[in-house]
Amino acid sequence: MTHVEIEYCVPCGMLDRAQDVQAAILEGYGTEVDSVSLVAGDGGVFEVRADDEVIFDEESDEFDVDAIVDAVGGRVGAAA
């Protein structure tokens, strides 16, 4: 099963964005993922990792919830 971590910048106020991504992943994949964890960070970080592999990094990727969910889906299928 797949473990997903969403690391977000607390001082930047990114909690709402992180929760939106978390909810979208859970709605899309439900019990197909083991966990979708929120990880508090700082320094402007917003990264999504699936099984320790970075699948979204705000520094280099355009923020798109659907694209992030699709990327997680690629890991869910690969983890089987």
PDB file of N, CA and C in Angstrom:
ATOM      1  N   MET A   1       0.841  -1.193   0.000  1.00  0.00           N
ATOM      2  CA  MET A   1       0.000   0.000   0.000  1.00  0.00           C
ATOM      3  C   MET A   1       0.879   1.246   0.000  1.00  0.00           C
ATOM      4  N   THR A   2       0.308   2.330  -0.378  1.00  0.00           N
ATOM      5  CA  THR A   2       1.033   3.580  -0.553  1.00  0.00           C
ATOM      6  C   THR A   2       0.859   4.504   0.657  1.00  0.00           C
ATOM      7  N   HIS A   3       1.973   5.089   1.088  1.00  0.00           N
ATOM      8  CA  HIS A   3       1.964   6.107   2.141  1.00  0.00           C
ATOM      9  C   HIS A   3       2.226   7.454   1.479  1.00  0.00           C
ATOM     10  N   VAL A   4       1.371   8.423   1.737  1.00  0.00           N
ATOM     11  CA  VAL A   4       1.511   9.754   1.149  1.00  0.00           C
ATOM     12  C   VAL A   4       1.761  10.758   2.271  1.00  0.00           C
ATOM     13  N   GLU A   5       2.729  11.639   2.060  1.00  0.00           N
ATOM     14  CA  GLU A   5       3.010  12.730   2.993  1.00  0.00           C
ATOM     15  C   GLU A   5       2.877  14.052   2.255  1.00  0.00           C
ATOM     16  N   ILE A   6       2.217  14.997   2.886  1.00  0.00           N
ATOM     17  CA  ILE A   6       2.095  16.346   2.353  1.00  0.00           C
ATOM     18  C   ILE A   6       2.800  17.262   3.346  1.00  0.00           C
ATOM     19  N   GLU A   7       3.966  17.765   2.949  1.00  0.00           N
ATOM     20  CA  GLU A   7       4.708  18.679   3.808  1.00  0.00           C
ATOM     21  C   GLU A   7       4.389  20.103   3.375  1.00  0.00           C
ATOM     22  N   TYR A   8       3.966  20.919   4.324  1.00  0.00           N
ATOM     23  CA  TYR A   8       3.499  22.267   3.999  1.00  0.00           C
ATOM     24  C   TYR A   8       4.113  23.274   4.967  1.00  0.00           C
ATOM     25  N   CYS A   9       4.241  24.505   4.499  1.00  0.00           N
ATOM     26  CA  CYS A   9       4.824  25.584   5.290  1.00  0.00           C
ATOM     27  C   CYS A   9       3.764  26.150   6.243  1.00  0.00           C
ATOM     28  N   VAL A  10       3.998  25.970   7.545  1.00  0.00           N
ATOM     29  CA  VAL A  10       3.068  26.478   8.555  1.00  0.00           C
ATOM     30  C   VAL A  10       3.052  28.010   8.571  1.00  0.00           C
ATOM     31  N   PRO A  11       4.241  28.681   8.666  1.00  0.00           N
ATOM     32  CA  PRO A  11       4.228  30.151   8.718  1.00  0.00           C
ATOM     33  C   PRO A  11       3.622  30.801   7.467  1.00  0.00           C
ATOM     34  N   CYS A  12       3.669  30.093   6.340  1.00  0.00           N
ATOM     35  CA  CYS A  12       3.128  30.639   5.084  1.00  0.00           C
ATOM     36  C   CYS A  12       1.609  30.503   4.994  1.00  0.00           C
ATOM     37  N   GLY A  13       1.010  29.766   5.923  1.00  0.00           N
ATOM     38  CA  GLY A  13      -0.439  29.590   5.910  1.00  0.00           C
ATOM     39  C   GLY A  13      -0.925  28.599   4.866  1.00  0.00           C
ATOM     40  N   MET A  14      -0.162  27.536   4.616  1.00  0.00           N
ATOM     41  CA  MET A  14      -0.517  26.560   3.581  1.00  0.00           C
ATOM     42  C   MET A  14      -1.335  25.373   4.093  1.00  0.00           C
ATOM     43  N   LEU A  15      -1.795  25.439   5.340  1.00  0.00           N
ATOM     44  CA  LEU A  15      -2.567  24.330   5.894  1.00  0.00           C
ATOM     45  C   LEU A  15      -3.822  24.046   5.076  1.00  0.00           C
ATOM     46  N   ASP A  16      -4.575  25.073   4.693  1.00  0.00           N
ATOM     47  CA  ASP A  16      -5.801  24.861   3.915  1.00  0.00           C
ATOM     48  C   ASP A  16      -5.504  24.137   2.609  1.00  0.00           C
ATOM     49  N   ARG A  17      -4.439  24.547   1.929  1.00  0.00           N
ATOM     50  CA  ARG A  17      -4.050  23.917   0.661  1.00  0.00           C
ATOM     51  C   ARG A  17      -3.680  22.448   0.901  1.00  0.00           C
ATOM     52  N   ALA A  18      -2.934  22.193   1.959  1.00  0.00           N
ATOM     53  CA  ALA A  18      -2.532  20.818   2.282  1.00  0.00           C
ATOM     54  C   ALA A  18      -3.755  19.958   2.586  1.00  0.00           C
ATOM     55  N   GLN A  19      -4.701  20.508   3.322  1.00  0.00           N
ATOM     56  CA  GLN A  19      -5.925  19.762   3.649  1.00  0.00           C
ATOM     57  C   GLN A  19      -6.760  19.497   2.405  1.00  0.00           C
ATOM     58  N   ASP A  20      -6.792  20.449   1.464  1.00  0.00           N
ATOM     59  CA  ASP A  20      -7.519  20.245   0.208  1.00  0.00           C
ATOM     60  C   ASP A  20      -6.915  19.089  -0.586  1.00  0.00           C
ATOM     61  N   VAL A  21      -5.585  19.044  -0.654  1.00  0.00           N
ATOM     62  CA  VAL A  21      -4.911  17.959  -1.376  1.00  0.00           C
ATOM     63  C   VAL A  21      -5.164  16.636  -0.661  1.00  0.00           C
ATOM     64  N   GLN A  22      -5.065  16.643   0.670  1.00  0.00           N
ATOM     65  CA  GLN A  22      -5.304  15.430   1.454  1.00  0.00           C
ATOM     66  C   GLN A  22      -6.713  14.894   1.189  1.00  0.00           C
ATOM     67  N   ALA A  23      -7.712  15.766   1.245  1.00  0.00           N
ATOM     68  CA  ALA A  23      -9.102  15.348   1.024  1.00  0.00           C
ATOM     69  C   ALA A  23      -9.294  14.800  -0.387  1.00  0.00           C
ATOM     70  N   ALA A  24      -8.691  15.443  -1.385  1.00  0.00           N
ATOM     71  CA  ALA A  24      -8.830  14.987  -2.772  1.00  0.00           C
ATOM     72  C   ALA A  24      -8.210  13.605  -2.961  1.00  0.00           C
ATOM     73  N   ILE A  25      -7.064  13.367  -2.340  1.00  0.00           N
ATOM     74  CA  ILE A  25      -6.423  12.047  -2.443  1.00  0.00           C
ATOM     75  C   ILE A  25      -7.288  10.989  -1.770  1.00  0.00           C
ATOM     76  N   LEU A  26      -7.798  11.294  -0.593  1.00  0.00           N
ATOM     77  CA  LEU A  26      -8.644  10.330   0.107  1.00  0.00           C
ATOM     78  C   LEU A  26      -9.953  10.076  -0.634  1.00  0.00           C
ATOM     79  N   GLU A  27     -10.524  11.106  -1.237  1.00  0.00           N
ATOM     80  CA  GLU A  27     -11.751  10.923  -2.019  1.00  0.00           C
ATOM     81  C   GLU A  27     -11.473  10.086  -3.261  1.00  0.00           C
ATOM     82  N   GLY A  28     -10.303  10.289  -3.865  1.00  0.00           N
ATOM     83  CA  GLY A  28      -9.969   9.576  -5.095  1.00  0.00           C
ATOM     84  C   GLY A  28      -9.546   8.137  -4.876  1.00  0.00           C
ATOM     85  N   TYR A  29      -8.861   7.863  -3.764  1.00  0.00           N
ATOM     86  CA  TYR A  29      -8.271   6.536  -3.590  1.00  0.00           C
ATOM     87  C   TYR A  29      -8.664   5.821  -2.310  1.00  0.00           C
ATOM     88  N   GLY A  30      -9.275   6.530  -1.378  1.00  0.00           N
ATOM     89  CA  GLY A  30      -9.808   5.909  -0.163  1.00  0.00           C
ATOM     90  C   GLY A  30      -8.909   4.855   0.449  1.00  0.00           C
ATOM     91  N   THR A  31      -9.386   3.621   0.486  1.00  0.00           N
ATOM     92  CA  THR A  31      -8.656   2.540   1.151  1.00  0.00           C
ATOM     93  C   THR A  31      -7.504   1.987   0.313  1.00  0.00           C
ATOM     94  N   GLU A  32      -7.281   2.521  -0.882  1.00  0.00           N
ATOM     95  CA  GLU A  32      -6.148   2.073  -1.704  1.00  0.00           C
ATOM     96  C   GLU A  32      -4.830   2.661  -1.219  1.00  0.00           C
ATOM     97  N   VAL A  33      -4.894   3.661  -0.337  1.00  0.00           N
ATOM     98  CA  VAL A  33      -3.686   4.225   0.273  1.00  0.00           C
ATOM     99  C   VAL A  33      -3.708   3.885   1.758  1.00  0.00           C
ATOM    100  N   ASP A  34      -2.506   3.647   2.313  1.00  0.00           N
ATOM    101  CA  ASP A  34      -2.412   3.355   3.742  1.00  0.00           C
ATOM    102  C   ASP A  34      -2.655   4.594   4.576  1.00  0.00           C
ATOM    103  N   SER A  35      -2.043   5.708   4.142  1.00  0.00           N
ATOM    104  CA  SER A  35      -2.166   6.941   4.917  1.00  0.00           C
ATOM    105  C   SER A  35      -1.901   8.140   4.020  1.00  0.00           C
ATOM    106  N   VAL A  36      -2.477   9.264   4.428  1.00  0.00           N
ATOM    107  CA  VAL A  36      -2.184  10.563   3.811  1.00  0.00           C
ATOM    108  C   VAL A  36      -1.926  11.504   4.983  1.00  0.00           C
ATOM    109  N   SER A  37      -0.641  11.737   5.258  1.00  0.00           N
ATOM    110  CA  SER A  37      -0.236  12.485   6.442  1.00  0.00           C
ATOM    111  C   SER A  37       0.131  13.921   6.103  1.00  0.00           C
ATOM    112  N   LEU A  38      -0.206  14.819   7.022  1.00  0.00           N
ATOM    113  CA  LEU A  38       0.233  16.200   6.922  1.00  0.00           C
ATOM    114  C   LEU A  38       1.484  16.358   7.779  1.00  0.00           C
ATOM    115  N   VAL A  39       2.518  16.976   7.202  1.00  0.00           N
ATOM    116  CA  VAL A  39       3.792  17.167   7.888  1.00  0.00           C
ATOM    117  C   VAL A  39       4.072  18.665   7.940  1.00  0.00           C
ATOM    118  N   ALA A  40       4.159  19.207   9.143  1.00  0.00           N
ATOM    119  CA  ALA A  40       4.414  20.636   9.315  1.00  0.00           C
ATOM    120  C   ALA A  40       5.845  20.962   8.918  1.00  0.00           C
ATOM    121  N   GLY A  41       6.011  22.039   8.153  1.00  0.00           N
ATOM    122  CA  GLY A  41       7.330  22.485   7.730  1.00  0.00           C
ATOM    123  C   GLY A  41       7.398  23.998   7.732  1.00  0.00           C
ATOM    124  N   ASP A  42       8.489  24.524   7.176  1.00  0.00           N
ATOM    125  CA  ASP A  42       8.646  25.969   7.065  1.00  0.00           C
ATOM    126  C   ASP A  42       9.491  26.278   5.838  1.00  0.00           C
ATOM    127  N   GLY A  43       9.873  27.511   5.676  1.00  0.00           N
ATOM    128  CA  GLY A  43      10.722  27.896   4.553  1.00  0.00           C
ATOM    129  C   GLY A  43      10.029  27.850   3.201  1.00  0.00           C
ATOM    130  N   GLY A  44       8.696  27.944   3.186  1.00  0.00           N
ATOM    131  CA  GLY A  44       7.964  27.953   1.922  1.00  0.00           C
ATOM    132  C   GLY A  44       7.744  26.590   1.303  1.00  0.00           C
ATOM    133  N   VAL A  45       8.035  25.521   2.036  1.00  0.00           N
ATOM    134  CA  VAL A  45       7.922  24.173   1.489  1.00  0.00           C
ATOM    135  C   VAL A  45       6.474  23.779   1.233  1.00  0.00           C
ATOM    136  N   PHE A  46       6.257  23.123   0.106  1.00  0.00           N
ATOM    137  CA  PHE A  46       5.006  22.417  -0.157  1.00  0.00           C
ATOM    138  C   PHE A  46       5.370  21.266  -1.079  1.00  0.00           C
ATOM    139  N   GLU A  47       5.495  20.086  -0.486  1.00  0.00           N
ATOM    140  CA  GLU A  47       5.873  18.881  -1.228  1.00  0.00           C
ATOM    141  C   GLU A  47       4.888  17.771  -0.924  1.00  0.00           C
ATOM    142  N   VAL A  48       4.655  16.955  -1.936  1.00  0.00           N
ATOM    143  CA  VAL A  48       3.852  15.755  -1.760  1.00  0.00           C
ATOM    144  C   VAL A  48       4.746  14.576  -2.123  1.00  0.00           C
ATOM    145  N   ARG A  49       4.825  13.622  -1.207  1.00  0.00           N
ATOM    146  CA  ARG A  49       5.645  12.435  -1.422  1.00  0.00           C
ATOM    147  C   ARG A  49       4.767  11.189  -1.313  1.00  0.00           C
ATOM    148  N   ALA A  50       5.018  10.239  -2.206  1.00  0.00           N
ATOM    149  CA  ALA A  50       4.354   8.944  -2.144  1.00  0.00           C
ATOM    150  C   ALA A  50       5.446   7.905  -1.962  1.00  0.00           C
ATOM    151  N   ASP A  51       5.393   7.177  -0.858  1.00  0.00           N
ATOM    152  CA  ASP A  51       6.423   6.189  -0.528  1.00  0.00           C
ATOM    153  C   ASP A  51       7.817   6.806  -0.641  1.00  0.00           C
ATOM    154  N   ASP A  52       7.978   7.982  -0.057  1.00  0.00           N
ATOM    155  CA  ASP A  52       9.248   8.719   0.022  1.00  0.00           C
ATOM    156  C   ASP A  52       9.754   9.272  -1.318  1.00  0.00           C
ATOM    157  N   GLU A  53       8.981   9.145  -2.377  1.00  0.00           N
ATOM    158  CA  GLU A  53       9.347   9.721  -3.673  1.00  0.00           C
ATOM    159  C   GLU A  53       8.576  11.025  -3.860  1.00  0.00           C
ATOM    160  N   VAL A  54       9.295  12.108  -4.154  1.00  0.00           N
ATOM    161  CA  VAL A  54       8.633  13.396  -4.361  1.00  0.00           C
ATOM    162  C   VAL A  54       7.851  13.342  -5.673  1.00  0.00           C
ATOM    163  N   ILE A  55       6.541  13.587  -5.574  1.00  0.00           N
ATOM    164  CA  ILE A  55       5.710  13.610  -6.778  1.00  0.00           C
ATOM    165  C   ILE A  55       5.211  15.023  -7.085  1.00  0.00           C
ATOM    166  N   PHE A  56       5.370  15.939  -6.128  1.00  0.00           N
ATOM    167  CA  PHE A  56       5.047  17.350  -6.359  1.00  0.00           C
ATOM    168  C   PHE A  56       5.930  18.196  -5.466  1.00  0.00           C
ATOM    169  N   ASP A  57       6.539  19.226  -6.050  1.00  0.00           N
ATOM    170  CA  ASP A  57       7.344  20.193  -5.314  1.00  0.00           C
ATOM    171  C   ASP A  57       6.978  21.565  -5.854  1.00  0.00           C
ATOM    172  N   GLU A  58       6.428  22.410  -4.988  1.00  0.00           N
ATOM    173  CA  GLU A  58       5.955  23.717  -5.422  1.00  0.00           C
ATOM    174  C   GLU A  58       7.064  24.568  -6.049  1.00  0.00           C
ATOM    175  N   GLU A  59       8.307  24.308  -5.682  1.00  0.00           N
ATOM    176  CA  GLU A  59       9.413  25.073  -6.254  1.00  0.00           C
ATOM    177  C   GLU A  59       9.563  24.835  -7.752  1.00  0.00           C
ATOM    178  N   SER A  60       9.184  23.652  -8.219  1.00  0.00           N
ATOM    179  CA  SER A  60       9.388  23.339  -9.632  1.00  0.00           C
ATOM    180  C   SER A  60       8.121  22.955 -10.390  1.00  0.00           C
ATOM    181  N   ASP A  61       7.024  22.729  -9.694  1.00  0.00           N
ATOM    182  CA  ASP A  61       5.784  22.276 -10.332  1.00  0.00           C
ATOM    183  C   ASP A  61       4.666  23.299 -10.160  1.00  0.00           C
ATOM    184  N   GLU A  62       3.790  23.372 -11.144  1.00  0.00           N
ATOM    185  CA  GLU A  62       2.594  24.212 -11.086  1.00  0.00           C
ATOM    186  C   GLU A  62       1.575  23.533 -10.171  1.00  0.00           C
ATOM    187  N   PHE A  63       1.026  24.274  -9.203  1.00  0.00           N
ATOM    188  CA  PHE A  63       0.065  23.681  -8.280  1.00  0.00           C
ATOM    189  C   PHE A  63      -1.224  23.353  -9.002  1.00  0.00           C
ATOM    190  N   ASP A  64      -1.593  22.072  -8.983  1.00  0.00           N
ATOM    191  CA  ASP A  64      -2.818  21.586  -9.607  1.00  0.00           C
ATOM    192  C   ASP A  64      -3.249  20.341  -8.817  1.00  0.00           C
ATOM    193  N   VAL A  65      -4.318  20.474  -8.064  1.00  0.00           N
ATOM    194  CA  VAL A  65      -4.762  19.374  -7.206  1.00  0.00           C
ATOM    195  C   VAL A  65      -5.015  18.113  -8.023  1.00  0.00           C
ATOM    196  N   ASP A  66      -5.672  18.246  -9.173  1.00  0.00           N
ATOM    197  CA  ASP A  66      -5.984  17.074  -9.990  1.00  0.00           C
ATOM    198  C   ASP A  66      -4.717  16.368 -10.466  1.00  0.00           C
ATOM    199  N   ALA A  67      -3.697  17.143 -10.851  1.00  0.00           N
ATOM    200  CA  ALA A  67      -2.433  16.552 -11.298  1.00  0.00           C
ATOM    201  C   ALA A  67      -1.738  15.822 -10.149  1.00  0.00           C
ATOM    202  N   ILE A  68      -1.819  16.384  -8.947  1.00  0.00           N
ATOM    203  CA  ILE A  68      -1.217  15.730  -7.786  1.00  0.00           C
ATOM    204  C   ILE A  68      -1.940  14.411  -7.497  1.00  0.00           C
ATOM    205  N   VAL A  69      -3.255  14.437  -7.537  1.00  0.00           N
ATOM    206  CA  VAL A  69      -4.048  13.219  -7.298  1.00  0.00           C
ATOM    207  C   VAL A  69      -3.709  12.167  -8.357  1.00  0.00           C
ATOM    208  N   ASP A  70      -3.588  12.582  -9.614  1.00  0.00           N
ATOM    209  CA  ASP A  70      -3.222  11.645 -10.688  1.00  0.00           C
ATOM    210  C   ASP A  70      -1.837  11.049 -10.438  1.00  0.00           C
ATOM    211  N   ALA A  71      -0.896  11.861  -9.987  1.00  0.00           N
ATOM    212  CA  ALA A  71       0.451  11.362  -9.694  1.00  0.00           C
ATOM    213  C   ALA A  71       0.423  10.330  -8.567  1.00  0.00           C
ATOM    214  N   VAL A  72      -0.395  10.584  -7.567  1.00  0.00           N
ATOM    215  CA  VAL A  72      -0.554   9.604  -6.481  1.00  0.00           C
ATOM    216  C   VAL A  72      -1.152   8.317  -7.050  1.00  0.00           C
ATOM    217  N   GLY A  73      -2.105   8.444  -7.947  1.00  0.00           N
ATOM    218  CA  GLY A  73      -2.721   7.273  -8.573  1.00  0.00           C
ATOM    219  C   GLY A  73      -1.722   6.402  -9.298  1.00  0.00           C
ATOM    220  N   GLY A  74      -0.714   7.039  -9.901  1.00  0.00           N
ATOM    221  CA  GLY A  74       0.341   6.278 -10.560  1.00  0.00           C
ATOM    222  C   GLY A  74       1.138   5.453  -9.568  1.00  0.00           C
ATOM    223  N   ARG A  75       1.303   5.951  -8.372  1.00  0.00           N
ATOM    224  CA  ARG A  75       2.024   5.216  -7.314  1.00  0.00           C
ATOM    225  C   ARG A  75       1.127   4.138  -6.706  1.00  0.00           C
ATOM    226  N   VAL A  76      -0.156   4.399  -6.586  1.00  0.00           N
ATOM    227  CA  VAL A  76      -1.068   3.393  -6.014  1.00  0.00           C
ATOM    228  C   VAL A  76      -1.075   2.153  -6.886  1.00  0.00           C
ATOM    229  N   GLY A  77      -1.152   2.330  -8.193  1.00  0.00           N
ATOM    230  CA  GLY A  77      -1.131   1.196  -9.107  1.00  0.00           C
ATOM    231  C   GLY A  77       0.191   0.464  -9.116  1.00  0.00           C
ATOM    232  N   ALA A  78       1.289   1.221  -8.949  1.00  0.00           N
ATOM    233  CA  ALA A  78       2.623   0.630  -8.970  1.00  0.00           C
ATOM    234  C   ALA A  78       2.936  -0.120  -7.687  1.00  0.00           C
ATOM    235  N   ALA A  79       2.250   0.235  -6.600  1.00  0.00           N
ATOM    236  CA  ALA A  79       2.557  -0.366  -5.301  1.00  0.00           C
ATOM    237  C   ALA A  79       1.914  -1.743  -5.128  1.00  0.00           C
ATOM    238  N   ALA A  80       1.000  -2.078  -6.004  1.00  0.00           N
ATOM    239  CA  ALA A  80       0.261  -3.341  -5.855  1.00  0.00           C
ATOM    240  C   ALA A  80       1.103  -4.562  -6.090  1.00  0.00           C
TER     241      ALA A  80
END
